[in-house]
Amino acid sequence: RNPQNTVIVEGNRIAVIGQSASVTPPMGATMIDARGKYMLPGLIDTHVHLNLAWIRPAQTDTLALLRWIVAGGVTTIRDAASPRFEANYAAVRAANEAGQILAPRIVIAQGLGAAQRYGTSTDAATIDRLREAGVNQIKVIARSRARALEIIDAARGAGMPAFGHTDAYRPDSTKDQFTMAAVRAGISGVSHVTQI
């Protein structure tokens, strides 16, 4: 039989977990009797595309979708680079942080390296512009090793994490070596790894 426990939450962090006999809640704390219930930390979904039409019909309300995500127990998402960058994600994130809407925490990523969406600017200048728009991470979408490494280097130089496909979509035998080159170069994560 497990002893009865008390959990103290301060702000949005678990501060204390211990046997109730030895834990004293702070004065004025809101008390919730959770006997017979389960407590689960918020889940994190690191690969969401908020505006992909084939995943989410265009008429779907983004705020309703975000509420639905929270209802499923997911409290943090990373938008892993939607095809067109939604500048209002940063505004949605700010409204959520201010307690004005119900939504998960949003980490915004934007893709770099596929069909050039940003004119002729350098990767460093593009990353600076994306950061100013509220982007937190760079998603590497590159079909060549050289291009992927350029993007990883630029993101690291700007202090932004980079993750991405590297060559996971390529069927040839170099994909494993290409991915390892990206890892050695400092990529923070690799997506779509089922063929690696």
C-alpha atoms as a PDB file:
ATOM      1  CA  ARG A   1       0.000   0.000   0.000  1.00  0.00           C
ATOM      2  CA  ASN A   2       1.418   3.397  -0.998  1.00  0.00           C
ATOM      3  CA  PRO A   3       1.487   6.093   1.660  1.00  0.00           C
ATOM      4  CA  GLN A   4      -0.708   9.120   1.106  1.00  0.00           C
ATOM      5  CA  ASN A   5       1.312  11.792  -0.656  1.00  0.00           C
ATOM      6  CA  THR A   6       1.078  15.547  -0.949  1.00  0.00           C
ATOM      7  CA  VAL A   7       2.192  17.444  -4.024  1.00  0.00           C
ATOM      8  CA  ILE A   8       2.916  21.170  -3.825  1.00  0.00           C
ATOM      9  CA  VAL A   9       2.850  23.159  -7.063  1.00  0.00           C
ATOM     10  CA  GLU A  10       4.386  26.646  -7.151  1.00  0.00           C
ATOM     11  CA  GLY A  11       3.595  28.597 -10.292  1.00  0.00           C
ATOM     12  CA  ASN A  12       3.747  26.018 -13.078  1.00  0.00           C
ATOM     13  CA  ARG A  13       6.328  23.751 -11.393  1.00  0.00           C
ATOM     14  CA  ILE A  14       6.077  20.829  -9.003  1.00  0.00           C
ATOM     15  CA  ALA A  15       8.006  22.042  -5.958  1.00  0.00           C
ATOM     16  CA  VAL A  16       7.539  19.170  -3.485  1.00  0.00           C
ATOM     17  CA  ILE A  17       6.308  15.574  -3.514  1.00  0.00           C
ATOM     18  CA  GLY A  18       6.300  13.754  -0.200  1.00  0.00           C
ATOM     19  CA  GLN A  19       4.344  11.826   2.412  1.00  0.00           C
ATOM     20  CA  SER A  20       1.523  13.988   3.691  1.00  0.00           C
ATOM     21  CA  ALA A  21       2.619  13.540   7.312  1.00  0.00           C
ATOM     22  CA  SER A  22       5.923  15.265   6.552  1.00  0.00           C
ATOM     23  CA  VAL A  23       4.839  17.945   4.035  1.00  0.00           C
ATOM     24  CA  THR A  24       3.235  21.183   5.187  1.00  0.00           C
ATOM     25  CA  PRO A  25       1.417  23.181   2.483  1.00  0.00           C
ATOM     26  CA  PRO A  26       2.204  26.906   2.453  1.00  0.00           C
ATOM     27  CA  MET A  27      -0.249  29.336   4.056  1.00  0.00           C
ATOM     28  CA  GLY A  28      -3.063  30.311   1.689  1.00  0.00           C
ATOM     29  CA  ALA A  29      -2.455  27.407  -0.687  1.00  0.00           C
ATOM     30  CA  THR A  30      -5.369  26.145  -2.760  1.00  0.00           C
ATOM     31  CA  MET A  31      -6.038  22.589  -1.600  1.00  0.00           C
ATOM     32  CA  ILE A  32      -7.231  19.888  -4.019  1.00  0.00           C
ATOM     33  CA  ASP A  33      -8.278  16.514  -2.655  1.00  0.00           C
ATOM     34  CA  ALA A  34      -6.998  14.090  -5.312  1.00  0.00           C
ATOM     35  CA  ARG A  35      -7.422  10.844  -3.366  1.00  0.00           C
ATOM     36  CA  GLY A  36      -8.269   8.024  -5.755  1.00  0.00           C
ATOM     37  CA  LYS A  37      -7.040   9.999  -8.754  1.00  0.00           C
ATOM     38  CA  TYR A  38      -3.885  10.019 -10.851  1.00  0.00           C
ATOM     39  CA  MET A  39      -1.486  12.866 -11.475  1.00  0.00           C
ATOM     40  CA  LEU A  40       0.311  13.041 -14.818  1.00  0.00           C
ATOM     41  CA  PRO A  41       2.811  15.662 -15.962  1.00  0.00           C
ATOM     42  CA  GLY A  42       1.810  17.552 -19.100  1.00  0.00           C
ATOM     43  CA  LEU A  43       2.706  15.712 -22.302  1.00  0.00           C
ATOM     44  CA  ILE A  44       4.895  17.311 -24.990  1.00  0.00           C
ATOM     45  CA  ASP A  45       4.252  16.852 -28.715  1.00  0.00           C
ATOM     46  CA  THR A  46       7.394  17.868 -30.597  1.00  0.00           C
ATOM     47  CA  HIS A  47       6.014  17.422 -34.104  1.00  0.00           C
ATOM     48  CA  VAL A  48       2.837  19.360 -34.827  1.00  0.00           C
ATOM     49  CA  HIS A  49       1.992  21.196 -38.053  1.00  0.00           C
ATOM     50  CA  LEU A  50      -0.716  23.668 -37.104  1.00  0.00           C
ATOM     51  CA  ASN A  51      -1.621  24.796 -40.612  1.00  0.00           C
ATOM     52  CA  LEU A  52      -1.147  21.801 -42.881  1.00  0.00           C
ATOM     53  CA  ALA A  53      -4.425  21.540 -44.816  1.00  0.00           C
ATOM     54  CA  TRP A  54      -4.190  17.739 -45.172  1.00  0.00           C
ATOM     55  CA  ILE A  55      -3.955  17.392 -41.388  1.00  0.00           C
ATOM     56  CA  ARG A  56      -6.260  20.228 -40.403  1.00  0.00           C
ATOM     57  CA  PRO A  57      -8.956  21.506 -42.760  1.00  0.00           C
ATOM     58  CA  ALA A  58      -8.544  25.206 -43.520  1.00  0.00           C
ATOM     59  CA  GLN A  59     -11.865  26.060 -41.878  1.00  0.00           C
ATOM     60  CA  THR A  60     -10.780  24.630 -38.516  1.00  0.00           C
ATOM     61  CA  ASP A  61     -10.342  27.308 -35.879  1.00  0.00           C
ATOM     62  CA  THR A  62      -6.731  27.355 -34.622  1.00  0.00           C
ATOM     63  CA  LEU A  63      -7.791  28.312 -31.087  1.00  0.00           C
ATOM     64  CA  ALA A  64     -10.299  25.432 -31.006  1.00  0.00           C
ATOM     65  CA  LEU A  65      -7.546  23.058 -32.161  1.00  0.00           C
ATOM     66  CA  LEU A  66      -5.222  24.303 -29.422  1.00  0.00           C
ATOM     67  CA  ARG A  67      -7.937  23.800 -26.783  1.00  0.00           C
ATOM     68  CA  TRP A  68      -8.467  20.258 -28.112  1.00  0.00           C
ATOM     69  CA  ILE A  69      -4.723  19.565 -27.802  1.00  0.00           C
ATOM     70  CA  VAL A  70      -4.742  20.698 -24.148  1.00  0.00           C
ATOM     71  CA  ALA A  71      -7.845  18.570 -23.449  1.00  0.00           C
ATOM     72  CA  GLY A  72      -5.784  15.555 -24.552  1.00  0.00           C
ATOM     73  CA  GLY A  73      -3.186  16.248 -21.859  1.00  0.00           C
ATOM     74  CA  VAL A  74      -0.610  17.873 -24.147  1.00  0.00           C
ATOM     75  CA  THR A  75       0.637  21.054 -22.495  1.00  0.00           C
ATOM     76  CA  THR A  76       3.558  21.898 -24.821  1.00  0.00           C
ATOM     77  CA  ILE A  77       3.834  21.622 -28.602  1.00  0.00           C
ATOM     78  CA  ARG A  78       6.489  22.402 -31.166  1.00  0.00           C
ATOM     79  CA  ASP A  79       5.076  23.533 -34.490  1.00  0.00           C
ATOM     80  CA  ALA A  80       7.635  21.748 -36.648  1.00  0.00           C
ATOM     81  CA  ALA A  81       7.588  24.255 -39.505  1.00  0.00           C
ATOM     82  CA  SER A  82       4.290  24.846 -41.209  1.00  0.00           C
ATOM     83  CA  PRO A  83       4.488  25.462 -44.970  1.00  0.00           C
ATOM     84  CA  ARG A  84       3.616  29.102 -44.546  1.00  0.00           C
ATOM     85  CA  PHE A  85       4.818  30.740 -41.356  1.00  0.00           C
ATOM     86  CA  GLU A  86       1.930  31.972 -39.267  1.00  0.00           C
ATOM     87  CA  ALA A  87       3.209  35.173 -37.673  1.00  0.00           C
ATOM     88  CA  ASN A  88       0.182  35.134 -35.401  1.00  0.00           C
ATOM     89  CA  TYR A  89       1.560  32.067 -33.570  1.00  0.00           C
ATOM     90  CA  ALA A  90       3.742  34.442 -31.581  1.00  0.00           C
ATOM     91  CA  ALA A  91       0.647  36.507 -30.708  1.00  0.00           C
ATOM     92  CA  VAL A  92      -1.245  33.339 -29.743  1.00  0.00           C
ATOM     93  CA  ARG A  93       1.688  32.303 -27.565  1.00  0.00           C
ATOM     94  CA  ALA A  94       1.740  35.721 -25.856  1.00  0.00           C
ATOM     95  CA  ALA A  95      -2.026  35.578 -25.219  1.00  0.00           C
ATOM     96  CA  ASN A  96      -1.624  32.106 -23.738  1.00  0.00           C
ATOM     97  CA  GLU A  97       1.235  33.200 -21.475  1.00  0.00           C
ATOM     98  CA  ALA A  98      -0.935  36.121 -20.301  1.00  0.00           C
ATOM     99  CA  GLY A  99      -3.748  33.694 -19.411  1.00  0.00           C
ATOM    100  CA  GLN A 100      -6.120  35.159 -22.013  1.00  0.00           C
ATOM    101  CA  ILE A 101      -6.686  31.872 -23.899  1.00  0.00           C
ATOM    102  CA  LEU A 102      -6.382  28.153 -23.223  1.00  0.00           C
ATOM    103  CA  ALA A 103      -3.584  26.656 -25.308  1.00  0.00           C
ATOM    104  CA  PRO A 104      -0.463  24.559 -24.850  1.00  0.00           C
ATOM    105  CA  ARG A 105       2.906  26.271 -24.617  1.00  0.00           C
ATOM    106  CA  ILE A 106       4.056  26.758 -28.216  1.00  0.00           C
ATOM    107  CA  VAL A 107       7.614  26.403 -29.476  1.00  0.00           C
ATOM    108  CA  ILE A 108       7.738  27.753 -33.032  1.00  0.00           C
ATOM    109  CA  ALA A 109      10.078  26.255 -35.619  1.00  0.00           C
ATOM    110  CA  GLN A 110      10.495  27.356 -39.206  1.00  0.00           C
ATOM    111  CA  GLY A 111      12.032  25.443 -42.095  1.00  0.00           C
ATOM    112  CA  LEU A 112      15.132  26.509 -43.970  1.00  0.00           C
ATOM    113  CA  GLY A 113      16.822  24.858 -46.925  1.00  0.00           C
ATOM    114  CA  ALA A 114      14.044  23.665 -49.211  1.00  0.00           C
ATOM    115  CA  ALA A 115      12.628  25.892 -51.941  1.00  0.00           C
ATOM    116  CA  GLN A 116      14.003  29.266 -50.906  1.00  0.00           C
ATOM    117  CA  ARG A 117      11.216  31.251 -49.265  1.00  0.00           C
ATOM    118  CA  TYR A 118      13.326  34.108 -48.044  1.00  0.00           C
ATOM    119  CA  GLY A 119      14.789  35.729 -51.143  1.00  0.00           C
ATOM    120  CA  THR A 120      18.536  35.979 -51.473  1.00  0.00           C
ATOM    121  CA  SER A 121      19.423  36.786 -47.877  1.00  0.00           C
ATOM    122  CA  THR A 122      22.032  34.710 -46.071  1.00  0.00           C
ATOM    123  CA  ASP A 123      21.020  32.003 -43.630  1.00  0.00           C
ATOM    124  CA  ALA A 124      22.273  34.168 -40.740  1.00  0.00           C
ATOM    125  CA  ALA A 125      20.156  37.164 -41.806  1.00  0.00           C
ATOM    126  CA  THR A 126      17.136  34.938 -42.365  1.00  0.00           C
ATOM    127  CA  ILE A 127      17.521  33.329 -38.943  1.00  0.00           C
ATOM    128  CA  ASP A 128      17.766  36.786 -37.351  1.00  0.00           C
ATOM    129  CA  ARG A 129      14.518  37.824 -39.079  1.00  0.00           C
ATOM    130  CA  LEU A 130      12.771  34.628 -38.013  1.00  0.00           C
ATOM    131  CA  ARG A 131      13.878  35.119 -34.400  1.00  0.00           C
ATOM    132  CA  GLU A 132      12.490  38.669 -34.456  1.00  0.00           C
ATOM    133  CA  ALA A 133       9.174  37.220 -35.691  1.00  0.00           C
ATOM    134  CA  GLY A 134       9.054  34.869 -32.681  1.00  0.00           C
ATOM    135  CA  VAL A 135      10.610  31.688 -34.106  1.00  0.00           C
ATOM    136  CA  ASN A 136      12.461  29.557 -31.510  1.00  0.00           C
ATOM    137  CA  GLN A 137      14.067  26.813 -33.620  1.00  0.00           C
ATOM    138  CA  ILE A 138      15.208  26.146 -37.169  1.00  0.00           C
ATOM    139  CA  LYS A 139      14.066  23.050 -39.025  1.00  0.00           C
ATOM    140  CA  VAL A 140      16.640  21.804 -41.531  1.00  0.00           C
ATOM    141  CA  ILE A 141      14.982  20.774 -44.784  1.00  0.00           C
ATOM    142  CA  ALA A 142      17.889  19.960 -47.064  1.00  0.00           C
ATOM    143  CA  ARG A 143      18.586  17.307 -49.669  1.00  0.00           C
ATOM    144  CA  SER A 144      22.345  17.782 -49.712  1.00  0.00           C
ATOM    145  CA  ARG A 145      24.871  17.294 -46.939  1.00  0.00           C
ATOM    146  CA  ALA A 146      26.573  20.623 -47.679  1.00  0.00           C
ATOM    147  CA  ARG A 147      23.312  22.559 -47.480  1.00  0.00           C
ATOM    148  CA  ALA A 148      22.227  20.853 -44.258  1.00  0.00           C
ATOM    149  CA  LEU A 149      25.568  21.589 -42.604  1.00  0.00           C
ATOM    150  CA  GLU A 150      25.412  25.251 -43.682  1.00  0.00           C
ATOM    151  CA  ILE A 151      22.023  25.645 -42.026  1.00  0.00           C
ATOM    152  CA  ILE A 152      23.075  23.825 -38.849  1.00  0.00           C
ATOM    153  CA  ASP A 153      26.180  26.013 -38.607  1.00  0.00           C
ATOM    154  CA  ALA A 154      24.174  29.227 -39.114  1.00  0.00           C
ATOM    155  CA  ALA A 155      21.582  28.210 -36.516  1.00  0.00           C
ATOM    156  CA  ARG A 156      24.244  27.285 -33.977  1.00  0.00           C
ATOM    157  CA  GLY A 157      26.011  30.585 -34.671  1.00  0.00           C
ATOM    158  CA  ALA A 158      22.759  32.378 -33.885  1.00  0.00           C
ATOM    159  CA  GLY A 159      22.224  30.341 -30.714  1.00  0.00           C
ATOM    160  CA  MET A 160      19.114  28.614 -32.057  1.00  0.00           C
ATOM    161  CA  PRO A 161      18.535  24.851 -31.947  1.00  0.00           C
ATOM    162  CA  ALA A 162      18.329  23.154 -35.352  1.00  0.00           C
ATOM    163  CA  PHE A 163      16.533  19.890 -36.028  1.00  0.00           C
ATOM    164  CA  GLY A 164      15.187  18.340 -39.166  1.00  0.00           C
ATOM    165  CA  HIS A 165      14.994  15.798 -41.899  1.00  0.00           C
ATOM    166  CA  THR A 166      18.673  15.786 -42.898  1.00  0.00           C
ATOM    167  CA  ASP A 167      18.397  13.121 -45.602  1.00  0.00           C
ATOM    168  CA  ALA A 168      15.694  10.914 -44.124  1.00  0.00           C
ATOM    169  CA  TYR A 169      13.710  11.188 -47.349  1.00  0.00           C
ATOM    170  CA  ARG A 170      16.604  10.042 -49.540  1.00  0.00           C
ATOM    171  CA  PRO A 171      16.512   6.357 -50.511  1.00  0.00           C
ATOM    172  CA  ASP A 172      20.234   5.998 -51.271  1.00  0.00           C
ATOM    173  CA  SER A 173      22.813   4.299 -49.097  1.00  0.00           C
ATOM    174  CA  THR A 174      24.385   7.564 -47.857  1.00  0.00           C
ATOM    175  CA  LYS A 175      21.494   8.536 -45.606  1.00  0.00           C
ATOM    176  CA  ASP A 176      22.992   7.093 -42.403  1.00  0.00           C
ATOM    177  CA  GLN A 177      26.353   8.810 -42.951  1.00  0.00           C
ATOM    178  CA  PHE A 178      24.593  12.064 -43.836  1.00  0.00           C
ATOM    179  CA  THR A 179      22.549  11.948 -40.653  1.00  0.00           C
ATOM    180  CA  MET A 180      25.637  11.216 -38.547  1.00  0.00           C
ATOM    181  CA  ALA A 181      27.418  14.167 -40.177  1.00  0.00           C
ATOM    182  CA  ALA A 182      24.517  16.373 -39.099  1.00  0.00           C
ATOM    183  CA  VAL A 183      24.692  14.982 -35.559  1.00  0.00           C
ATOM    184  CA  ARG A 184      28.438  15.657 -35.402  1.00  0.00           C
ATOM    185  CA  ALA A 185      27.789  19.191 -36.698  1.00  0.00           C
ATOM    186  CA  GLY A 186      25.457  19.843 -33.772  1.00  0.00           C
ATOM    187  CA  ILE A 187      21.922  19.195 -34.988  1.00  0.00           C
ATOM    188  CA  SER A 188      19.615  18.989 -31.961  1.00  0.00           C
ATOM    189  CA  GLY A 189      17.256  16.353 -33.331  1.00  0.00           C
ATOM    190  CA  VAL A 190      16.374  14.336 -36.431  1.00  0.00           C
ATOM    191  CA  SER A 191      12.821  13.907 -37.756  1.00  0.00           C
ATOM    192  CA  HIS A 192      11.330  11.144 -39.899  1.00  0.00           C
ATOM    193  CA  VAL A 193      13.942   8.555 -38.990  1.00  0.00           C
ATOM    194  CA  THR A 194      12.067   5.390 -39.949  1.00  0.00           C
ATOM    195  CA  GLN A 195      14.458   4.622 -42.823  1.00  0.00           C
ATOM    196  CA  ILE A 196      17.674   5.390 -40.945  1.00  0.00           C
END
